[in-house]
Amino acid sequence: MQKSSEASKDEKSSGVAGRLFQLCITRFEKKDHILINCNSVSCARLDYCNSLLYGSSARNLDRLQKVQNQLARVVLQLPWSASATDARRQLHWLPVTQRIVFKIATITYRPRQSGHPAYLCSELEDYRPTRNSRSASAPLLNRPHVNNVFSSRAFSVSAPTVWNSL
């Protein structure tokens, strides 16, 4: 019973990848154009609001990773048995969890450097240590205390967590 549910999950993820690939093929005829546009369409679909997945369950992230693996194989037109890690490396794609962290770090960097947009700057607060130490000059952010897991997924908490871990 477990094996059939695993097979159906793989079919679902390959179905999403296949539909994205068909969308790309219908618009372009040359192979180079197909690969470039499939890469951009799949990255855009995969990256859309992925920073909201920070702190999500491993099961959900694993499902998204399977879709990304299938997309990499489809974009490069590799067989199902080909290594997804090598395919992602060839496309210069990060794994899903690293993409999420990268996006949060990127979103955090802009308000830290430019002060814009104001609504994100208001969510970020510089860390001010109570005592002098060598790390006092480090560009750290203050992480607010939260009481539950759901609150820890908010930008005001996840951004300082990711930023301070760099």
N, C-alpha and C. Protein backbone atom coordinates (compact mmCIF):
# COMPACT_ATOMS: atom_id res chain seq x y z
N MET A 1 0.83 -1.20 0.00
CA MET A 1 0.00 0.00 0.00
C MET A 1 0.86 1.25 0.00
N GLN A 2 1.92 1.24 0.79
CA GLN A 2 2.82 2.38 0.88
C GLN A 2 3.51 2.65 -0.46
N LYS A 3 3.87 1.56 -1.15
CA LYS A 3 4.58 1.71 -2.41
C LYS A 3 3.72 2.40 -3.46
N SER A 4 2.44 2.09 -3.50
CA SER A 4 1.56 2.71 -4.49
C SER A 4 1.37 4.19 -4.20
N SER A 5 1.32 4.58 -2.91
CA SER A 5 1.18 6.00 -2.59
C SER A 5 2.45 6.76 -2.94
N GLU A 6 3.62 6.12 -2.77
CA GLU A 6 4.88 6.76 -3.17
C GLU A 6 4.91 6.96 -4.68
N ALA A 7 4.44 5.96 -5.43
CA ALA A 7 4.43 6.06 -6.89
C ALA A 7 3.49 7.18 -7.33
N SER A 8 2.33 7.31 -6.67
CA SER A 8 1.40 8.36 -7.07
C SER A 8 1.96 9.74 -6.77
N LYS A 9 2.74 9.88 -5.68
CA LYS A 9 3.36 11.16 -5.37
C LYS A 9 4.37 11.53 -6.46
N ASP A 10 5.17 10.55 -6.91
CA ASP A 10 6.13 10.81 -7.98
C ASP A 10 5.42 11.18 -9.27
N GLU A 11 4.29 10.51 -9.55
CA GLU A 11 3.52 10.83 -10.75
C GLU A 11 2.97 12.25 -10.68
N LYS A 12 2.52 12.67 -9.49
CA LYS A 12 2.00 14.02 -9.34
C LYS A 12 3.10 15.04 -9.57
N SER A 13 4.29 14.82 -8.98
CA SER A 13 5.37 15.79 -9.16
C SER A 13 5.86 15.81 -10.60
N SER A 14 5.91 14.65 -11.26
CA SER A 14 6.32 14.64 -12.66
C SER A 14 5.22 15.25 -13.54
N GLY A 15 3.96 15.14 -13.12
CA GLY A 15 2.87 15.76 -13.86
C GLY A 15 2.97 17.27 -13.85
N VAL A 16 3.31 17.85 -12.70
CA VAL A 16 3.50 19.30 -12.61
C VAL A 16 4.66 19.72 -13.48
N ALA A 17 5.76 18.98 -13.41
CA ALA A 17 6.94 19.30 -14.22
C ALA A 17 6.62 19.17 -15.70
N GLY A 18 5.89 18.13 -16.06
CA GLY A 18 5.53 17.92 -17.46
C GLY A 18 4.63 19.02 -17.99
N ARG A 19 3.67 19.48 -17.17
CA ARG A 19 2.78 20.55 -17.61
C ARG A 19 3.55 21.86 -17.81
N LEU A 20 4.50 22.14 -16.91
CA LEU A 20 5.32 23.34 -17.09
C LEU A 20 6.16 23.24 -18.36
N PHE A 21 6.69 22.05 -18.63
CA PHE A 21 7.50 21.86 -19.83
C PHE A 21 6.65 22.02 -21.09
N GLN A 22 5.44 21.47 -21.09
CA GLN A 22 4.55 21.61 -22.24
C GLN A 22 4.20 23.07 -22.48
N LEU A 23 4.02 23.83 -21.40
CA LEU A 23 3.76 25.25 -21.53
C LEU A 23 4.91 25.96 -22.23
N CYS A 24 6.13 25.58 -21.91
CA CYS A 24 7.31 26.18 -22.54
C CYS A 24 7.42 25.78 -24.00
N ILE A 25 7.18 24.52 -24.31
CA ILE A 25 7.35 24.01 -25.67
C ILE A 25 6.37 24.66 -26.63
N THR A 26 5.15 24.90 -26.18
CA THR A 26 4.15 25.46 -27.08
C THR A 26 4.49 26.88 -27.51
N ARG A 27 5.32 27.57 -26.76
CA ARG A 27 5.64 28.95 -27.08
C ARG A 27 6.90 29.10 -27.93
N PHE A 28 7.82 28.15 -27.88
CA PHE A 28 9.11 28.31 -28.54
C PHE A 28 9.47 27.06 -29.32
N GLU A 29 10.20 27.24 -30.41
CA GLU A 29 10.53 26.11 -31.28
C GLU A 29 11.98 25.67 -31.15
N LYS A 30 12.93 26.58 -31.02
CA LYS A 30 14.33 26.21 -30.94
C LYS A 30 14.63 25.61 -29.58
N LYS A 31 15.52 24.61 -29.56
CA LYS A 31 15.83 23.91 -28.32
C LYS A 31 16.45 24.83 -27.28
N ASP A 32 17.32 25.74 -27.72
CA ASP A 32 17.94 26.67 -26.78
C ASP A 32 16.90 27.57 -26.12
N HIS A 33 15.95 28.03 -26.93
CA HIS A 33 14.89 28.87 -26.38
C HIS A 33 14.01 28.09 -25.43
N ILE A 34 13.76 26.83 -25.75
CA ILE A 34 12.94 25.98 -24.89
C ILE A 34 13.61 25.82 -23.53
N LEU A 35 14.91 25.51 -23.53
CA LEU A 35 15.61 25.29 -22.27
C LEU A 35 15.69 26.56 -21.43
N ILE A 36 15.99 27.68 -22.07
CA ILE A 36 16.10 28.94 -21.34
C ILE A 36 14.75 29.32 -20.73
N ASN A 37 13.70 29.22 -21.51
CA ASN A 37 12.38 29.63 -21.02
C ASN A 37 11.79 28.64 -20.03
N CYS A 38 12.04 27.37 -20.21
CA CYS A 38 11.58 26.39 -19.21
C CYS A 38 12.28 26.64 -17.88
N ASN A 39 13.55 26.96 -17.97
CA ASN A 39 14.31 27.25 -16.76
C ASN A 39 13.72 28.47 -16.06
N SER A 40 13.43 29.53 -16.80
CA SER A 40 12.90 30.73 -16.17
C SER A 40 11.48 30.54 -15.65
N VAL A 41 10.63 29.84 -16.41
CA VAL A 41 9.25 29.61 -15.97
C VAL A 41 9.24 28.73 -14.72
N SER A 42 10.03 27.67 -14.73
CA SER A 42 10.02 26.77 -13.57
C SER A 42 10.61 27.45 -12.34
N CYS A 43 11.65 28.25 -12.51
CA CYS A 43 12.22 28.97 -11.37
C CYS A 43 11.22 29.97 -10.81
N ALA A 44 10.54 30.67 -11.69
CA ALA A 44 9.56 31.66 -11.24
C ALA A 44 8.43 30.99 -10.48
N ARG A 45 7.94 29.87 -10.99
CA ARG A 45 6.85 29.15 -10.31
C ARG A 45 7.31 28.57 -8.98
N LEU A 46 8.53 28.07 -8.95
CA LEU A 46 9.06 27.45 -7.75
C LEU A 46 9.40 28.49 -6.68
N ASP A 47 9.86 29.66 -7.10
CA ASP A 47 10.28 30.70 -6.16
C ASP A 47 9.15 31.59 -5.69
N TYR A 48 8.00 31.50 -6.32
CA TYR A 48 6.90 32.39 -5.96
C TYR A 48 6.50 32.17 -4.50
N CYS A 49 6.69 33.17 -3.69
CA CYS A 49 6.32 33.15 -2.26
C CYS A 49 6.98 32.02 -1.48
N ASN A 50 8.13 31.52 -1.93
CA ASN A 50 8.73 30.41 -1.20
C ASN A 50 9.29 30.82 0.15
N SER A 51 9.51 32.12 0.37
CA SER A 51 10.00 32.54 1.68
C SER A 51 8.93 32.34 2.76
N LEU A 52 7.68 32.20 2.33
CA LEU A 52 6.61 31.90 3.30
C LEU A 52 6.72 30.47 3.83
N LEU A 53 7.52 29.66 3.16
CA LEU A 53 7.66 28.26 3.58
C LEU A 53 8.72 28.08 4.65
N TYR A 54 9.36 29.15 5.08
CA TYR A 54 10.37 29.05 6.13
C TYR A 54 9.73 28.48 7.40
N GLY A 55 10.31 27.46 7.93
CA GLY A 55 9.76 26.82 9.13
C GLY A 55 8.66 25.83 8.83
N SER A 56 8.42 25.56 7.56
CA SER A 56 7.39 24.60 7.17
C SER A 56 7.87 23.19 7.51
N SER A 57 6.96 22.25 7.49
CA SER A 57 7.31 20.88 7.85
C SER A 57 8.24 20.26 6.81
N ALA A 58 9.02 19.30 7.25
CA ALA A 58 9.95 18.60 6.36
C ALA A 58 9.18 17.88 5.25
N ARG A 59 7.99 17.41 5.56
CA ARG A 59 7.18 16.70 4.57
C ARG A 59 6.81 17.62 3.40
N ASN A 60 6.38 18.85 3.72
CA ASN A 60 6.03 19.80 2.66
C ASN A 60 7.25 20.19 1.83
N LEU A 61 8.37 20.41 2.50
CA LEU A 61 9.59 20.78 1.79
C LEU A 61 10.10 19.63 0.93
N ASP A 62 9.90 18.40 1.41
CA ASP A 62 10.31 17.24 0.63
C ASP A 62 9.47 17.11 -0.64
N ARG A 63 8.20 17.39 -0.54
CA ARG A 63 7.32 17.36 -1.71
C ARG A 63 7.78 18.39 -2.75
N LEU A 64 8.09 19.58 -2.27
CA LEU A 64 8.55 20.63 -3.18
C LEU A 64 9.91 20.28 -3.79
N GLN A 65 10.75 19.60 -3.01
CA GLN A 65 12.05 19.17 -3.52
C GLN A 65 11.87 18.13 -4.63
N LYS A 66 10.90 17.25 -4.48
CA LYS A 66 10.63 16.26 -5.53
C LYS A 66 10.18 16.94 -6.82
N VAL A 67 9.36 17.98 -6.69
CA VAL A 67 8.92 18.72 -7.87
C VAL A 67 10.12 19.39 -8.53
N GLN A 68 10.99 19.99 -7.73
CA GLN A 68 12.18 20.64 -8.28
C GLN A 68 13.09 19.63 -8.98
N ASN A 69 13.24 18.46 -8.38
CA ASN A 69 14.07 17.42 -9.00
C ASN A 69 13.50 17.01 -10.36
N GLN A 70 12.19 16.82 -10.42
CA GLN A 70 11.55 16.47 -11.69
C GLN A 70 11.69 17.59 -12.71
N LEU A 71 11.52 18.83 -12.26
CA LEU A 71 11.68 19.97 -13.16
C LEU A 71 13.09 20.01 -13.75
N ALA A 72 14.08 19.74 -12.93
CA ALA A 72 15.46 19.75 -13.41
C ALA A 72 15.65 18.68 -14.48
N ARG A 73 15.09 17.49 -14.24
CA ARG A 73 15.21 16.42 -15.23
C ARG A 73 14.48 16.77 -16.52
N VAL A 74 13.30 17.37 -16.39
CA VAL A 74 12.51 17.71 -17.57
C VAL A 74 13.18 18.82 -18.37
N VAL A 75 13.66 19.84 -17.70
CA VAL A 75 14.30 20.96 -18.39
C VAL A 75 15.53 20.49 -19.15
N LEU A 76 16.31 19.60 -18.55
CA LEU A 76 17.50 19.09 -19.22
C LEU A 76 17.21 17.87 -20.09
N GLN A 77 15.95 17.43 -20.11
CA GLN A 77 15.51 16.29 -20.89
C GLN A 77 16.34 15.03 -20.54
N LEU A 78 16.45 14.78 -19.25
CA LEU A 78 17.17 13.62 -18.74
C LEU A 78 16.19 12.51 -18.40
N PRO A 79 16.65 11.26 -18.38
CA PRO A 79 15.76 10.17 -17.96
C PRO A 79 15.44 10.28 -16.47
N TRP A 80 14.37 9.60 -16.08
CA TRP A 80 13.92 9.63 -14.69
C TRP A 80 15.00 9.14 -13.73
N SER A 81 15.83 8.20 -14.19
CA SER A 81 16.84 7.61 -13.32
C SER A 81 18.09 8.48 -13.17
N ALA A 82 18.18 9.59 -13.87
CA ALA A 82 19.35 10.48 -13.78
C ALA A 82 19.38 11.16 -12.41
N SER A 83 20.57 11.50 -11.98
CA SER A 83 20.76 12.13 -10.69
C SER A 83 20.17 13.54 -10.69
N ALA A 84 19.28 13.78 -9.75
CA ALA A 84 18.67 15.10 -9.65
C ALA A 84 19.68 16.12 -9.12
N THR A 85 20.57 15.69 -8.26
CA THR A 85 21.58 16.59 -7.71
C THR A 85 22.48 17.12 -8.82
N ASP A 86 22.91 16.22 -9.72
CA ASP A 86 23.75 16.65 -10.84
C ASP A 86 22.98 17.57 -11.79
N ALA A 87 21.71 17.27 -11.99
CA ALA A 87 20.89 18.11 -12.87
C ALA A 87 20.73 19.51 -12.28
N ARG A 88 20.44 19.59 -10.97
CA ARG A 88 20.32 20.90 -10.32
C ARG A 88 21.64 21.66 -10.36
N ARG A 89 22.72 20.95 -10.17
CA ARG A 89 24.03 21.59 -10.22
C ARG A 89 24.32 22.14 -11.61
N GLN A 90 23.93 21.40 -12.63
CA GLN A 90 24.14 21.84 -14.01
C GLN A 90 23.31 23.09 -14.32
N LEU A 91 22.12 23.18 -13.73
CA LEU A 91 21.26 24.34 -13.93
C LEU A 91 21.56 25.48 -12.95
N HIS A 92 22.47 25.25 -12.01
CA HIS A 92 22.83 26.22 -10.97
C HIS A 92 21.64 26.53 -10.07
N TRP A 93 20.89 25.50 -9.71
CA TRP A 93 19.75 25.63 -8.82
C TRP A 93 20.14 25.17 -7.42
N LEU A 94 19.72 25.90 -6.42
CA LEU A 94 19.89 25.48 -5.03
C LEU A 94 18.76 24.54 -4.65
N PRO A 95 19.01 23.62 -3.70
CA PRO A 95 17.89 22.83 -3.16
C PRO A 95 16.85 23.75 -2.50
N VAL A 96 15.65 23.26 -2.35
CA VAL A 96 14.51 24.06 -1.91
C VAL A 96 14.78 24.76 -0.58
N THR A 97 15.28 24.05 0.41
CA THR A 97 15.51 24.68 1.73
C THR A 97 16.54 25.79 1.63
N GLN A 98 17.57 25.59 0.82
CA GLN A 98 18.58 26.63 0.65
C GLN A 98 18.04 27.81 -0.15
N ARG A 99 17.14 27.55 -1.09
CA ARG A 99 16.50 28.63 -1.85
C ARG A 99 15.68 29.52 -0.93
N ILE A 100 14.97 28.90 0.00
CA ILE A 100 14.14 29.64 0.93
C ILE A 100 15.00 30.54 1.81
N VAL A 101 16.08 29.99 2.35
CA VAL A 101 16.99 30.77 3.19
C VAL A 101 17.63 31.89 2.38
N PHE A 102 18.04 31.58 1.15
CA PHE A 102 18.66 32.59 0.29
C PHE A 102 17.69 33.73 0.01
N LYS A 103 16.44 33.41 -0.25
CA LYS A 103 15.45 34.45 -0.55
C LYS A 103 15.20 35.34 0.66
N ILE A 104 15.12 34.75 1.84
CA ILE A 104 14.92 35.55 3.05
C ILE A 104 16.13 36.45 3.28
N ALA A 105 17.34 35.91 3.09
CA ALA A 105 18.55 36.71 3.27
C ALA A 105 18.60 37.85 2.25
N THR A 106 18.19 37.58 1.02
CA THR A 106 18.18 38.62 -0.02
C THR A 106 17.15 39.70 0.30
N ILE A 107 15.98 39.29 0.75
CA ILE A 107 14.94 40.25 1.11
C ILE A 107 15.37 41.08 2.31
N THR A 108 16.14 40.49 3.21
CA THR A 108 16.63 41.20 4.39
C THR A 108 17.75 42.17 4.04
N TYR A 109 18.56 41.83 3.06
CA TYR A 109 19.72 42.65 2.70
C TYR A 109 19.32 44.03 2.20
N ARG A 110 18.34 44.10 1.33
CA ARG A 110 17.96 45.39 0.73
C ARG A 110 17.54 46.44 1.76
N PRO A 111 16.62 46.14 2.68
CA PRO A 111 16.27 47.17 3.67
C PRO A 111 17.44 47.53 4.60
N ARG A 112 18.32 46.57 4.85
CA ARG A 112 19.48 46.86 5.70
C ARG A 112 20.41 47.86 5.03
N GLN A 113 20.56 47.76 3.71
CA GLN A 113 21.50 48.62 3.00
C GLN A 113 20.90 49.95 2.55
N SER A 114 19.66 49.92 2.06
CA SER A 114 19.09 51.13 1.47
C SER A 114 18.04 51.81 2.34
N GLY A 115 17.46 51.07 3.25
CA GLY A 115 16.39 51.65 4.07
C GLY A 115 15.03 51.61 3.41
N HIS A 116 14.96 50.97 2.24
CA HIS A 116 13.69 50.86 1.51
C HIS A 116 13.41 49.40 1.25
N PRO A 117 12.23 48.96 1.25
CA PRO A 117 10.97 49.63 1.56
C PRO A 117 10.80 49.82 3.07
N ALA A 118 10.08 50.85 3.41
CA ALA A 118 9.92 51.25 4.81
C ALA A 118 9.20 50.20 5.64
N TYR A 119 8.23 49.50 5.02
CA TYR A 119 7.48 48.51 5.79
C TYR A 119 8.36 47.33 6.22
N LEU A 120 9.42 47.03 5.46
CA LEU A 120 10.35 45.98 5.89
C LEU A 120 11.36 46.52 6.89
N CYS A 121 11.78 47.77 6.73
CA CYS A 121 12.71 48.38 7.68
C CYS A 121 12.11 48.43 9.08
N SER A 122 10.81 48.67 9.15
CA SER A 122 10.17 48.74 10.46
C SER A 122 10.13 47.38 11.15
N GLU A 123 10.25 46.31 10.40
CA GLU A 123 10.25 44.96 10.98
C GLU A 123 11.63 44.53 11.48
N LEU A 124 12.68 45.21 11.03
CA LEU A 124 14.04 44.83 11.37
C LEU A 124 14.62 45.81 12.38
N GLU A 125 15.24 45.27 13.42
CA GLU A 125 15.82 46.10 14.47
C GLU A 125 17.24 45.62 14.73
N ASP A 126 18.19 46.57 14.76
CA ASP A 126 19.58 46.22 15.02
C ASP A 126 19.74 45.68 16.44
N TYR A 127 20.65 44.73 16.56
CA TYR A 127 20.94 44.15 17.87
C TYR A 127 21.89 45.08 18.62
N ARG A 128 21.53 45.42 19.85
CA ARG A 128 22.38 46.26 20.70
C ARG A 128 22.70 45.48 21.96
N PRO A 129 23.93 44.97 22.06
CA PRO A 129 24.29 44.19 23.24
C PRO A 129 24.34 45.06 24.50
N THR A 130 24.08 44.46 25.64
CA THR A 130 24.10 45.20 26.90
C THR A 130 25.52 45.41 27.39
N ARG A 131 26.44 44.54 26.99
CA ARG A 131 27.85 44.66 27.39
C ARG A 131 28.72 44.78 26.15
N ASN A 132 29.91 45.34 26.34
CA ASN A 132 30.87 45.41 25.25
C ASN A 132 31.50 44.04 25.03
N SER A 133 31.59 43.64 23.79
CA SER A 133 32.25 42.38 23.43
C SER A 133 32.78 42.52 22.02
N ARG A 134 33.54 41.53 21.60
CA ARG A 134 34.09 41.59 20.25
C ARG A 134 33.00 41.52 19.19
N SER A 135 31.92 40.85 19.48
CA SER A 135 30.83 40.72 18.52
C SER A 135 29.89 41.92 18.52
N ALA A 136 30.17 42.94 19.34
CA ALA A 136 29.29 44.11 19.42
C ALA A 136 29.25 44.88 18.11
N SER A 137 30.32 44.80 17.33
CA SER A 137 30.35 45.53 16.06
C SER A 137 29.80 44.70 14.89
N ALA A 138 29.42 43.46 15.14
CA ALA A 138 28.86 42.62 14.08
C ALA A 138 27.47 43.14 13.69
N PRO A 139 27.15 43.10 12.39
CA PRO A 139 25.85 43.62 11.94
C PRO A 139 24.72 42.62 12.18
N LEU A 140 24.37 42.41 13.42
CA LEU A 140 23.34 41.44 13.78
C LEU A 140 21.99 42.14 13.93
N LEU A 141 20.94 41.35 13.85
CA LEU A 141 19.58 41.84 14.03
C LEU A 141 18.99 41.27 15.31
N ASN A 142 18.14 42.05 15.94
CA ASN A 142 17.47 41.61 17.16
C ASN A 142 16.33 40.68 16.79
N ARG A 143 16.32 39.49 17.39
CA ARG A 143 15.26 38.52 17.13
C ARG A 143 14.25 38.61 18.27
N PRO A 144 13.01 38.99 17.96
CA PRO A 144 12.00 39.09 19.02
C PRO A 144 11.64 37.72 19.59
N HIS A 145 11.27 37.72 20.85
CA HIS A 145 10.86 36.48 21.50
C HIS A 145 9.44 36.12 21.05
N VAL A 146 9.25 34.84 20.71
CA VAL A 146 7.93 34.37 20.29
C VAL A 146 7.52 33.18 21.15
N ASN A 147 6.22 32.99 21.26
CA ASN A 147 5.71 31.93 22.12
C ASN A 147 5.32 30.66 21.39
N ASN A 148 5.10 30.72 20.08
CA ASN A 148 4.69 29.51 19.38
C ASN A 148 5.42 29.39 18.04
N VAL A 149 5.32 28.23 17.45
CA VAL A 149 6.02 27.93 16.20
C VAL A 149 5.48 28.75 15.05
N PHE A 150 4.19 28.96 15.02
CA PHE A 150 3.59 29.71 13.92
C PHE A 150 4.12 31.15 13.89
N SER A 151 4.30 31.75 15.04
CA SER A 151 4.83 33.12 15.11
C SER A 151 6.27 33.20 14.65
N SER A 152 7.02 32.11 14.80
CA SER A 152 8.43 32.12 14.41
C SER A 152 8.60 32.15 12.90
N ARG A 153 7.53 31.92 12.15
CA ARG A 153 7.60 31.95 10.70
C ARG A 153 7.39 33.36 10.14
N ALA A 154 7.05 34.33 10.98
CA ALA A 154 6.84 35.71 10.54
C ALA A 154 8.17 36.31 10.09
N PHE A 155 8.10 37.27 9.17
CA PHE A 155 9.32 37.89 8.65
C PHE A 155 10.13 38.55 9.75
N SER A 156 9.47 39.18 10.70
CA SER A 156 10.18 39.88 11.77
C SER A 156 11.00 38.94 12.64
N VAL A 157 10.69 37.65 12.61
CA VAL A 157 11.44 36.65 13.38
C VAL A 157 12.35 35.84 12.48
N SER A 158 11.86 35.42 11.33
CA SER A 158 12.67 34.58 10.43
C SER A 158 13.83 35.34 9.81
N ALA A 159 13.63 36.61 9.48
CA ALA A 159 14.71 37.39 8.87
C ALA A 159 15.91 37.55 9.81
N PRO A 160 15.71 37.95 11.08
CA PRO A 160 16.87 38.02 11.98
C PRO A 160 17.52 36.65 12.22
N THR A 161 16.72 35.61 12.26
CA THR A 161 17.27 34.27 12.47
C THR A 161 18.20 33.90 11.32
N VAL A 162 17.73 34.09 10.10
CA VAL A 162 18.54 33.77 8.93
C VAL A 162 19.75 34.70 8.83
N TRP A 163 19.52 36.01 9.02
CA TRP A 163 20.60 37.00 8.91
C TRP A 163 21.71 36.73 9.91
N ASN A 164 21.34 36.44 11.14
CA ASN A 164 22.34 36.20 12.18
C ASN A 164 23.09 34.89 12.00
N SER A 165 22.50 33.97 11.24
CA SER A 165 23.17 32.69 11.00
C SER A 165 24.20 32.76 9.89
N LEU A 166 24.22 33.85 9.13
CA LEU A 166 25.19 33.98 8.03
C LEU A 166 26.59 34.21 8.54
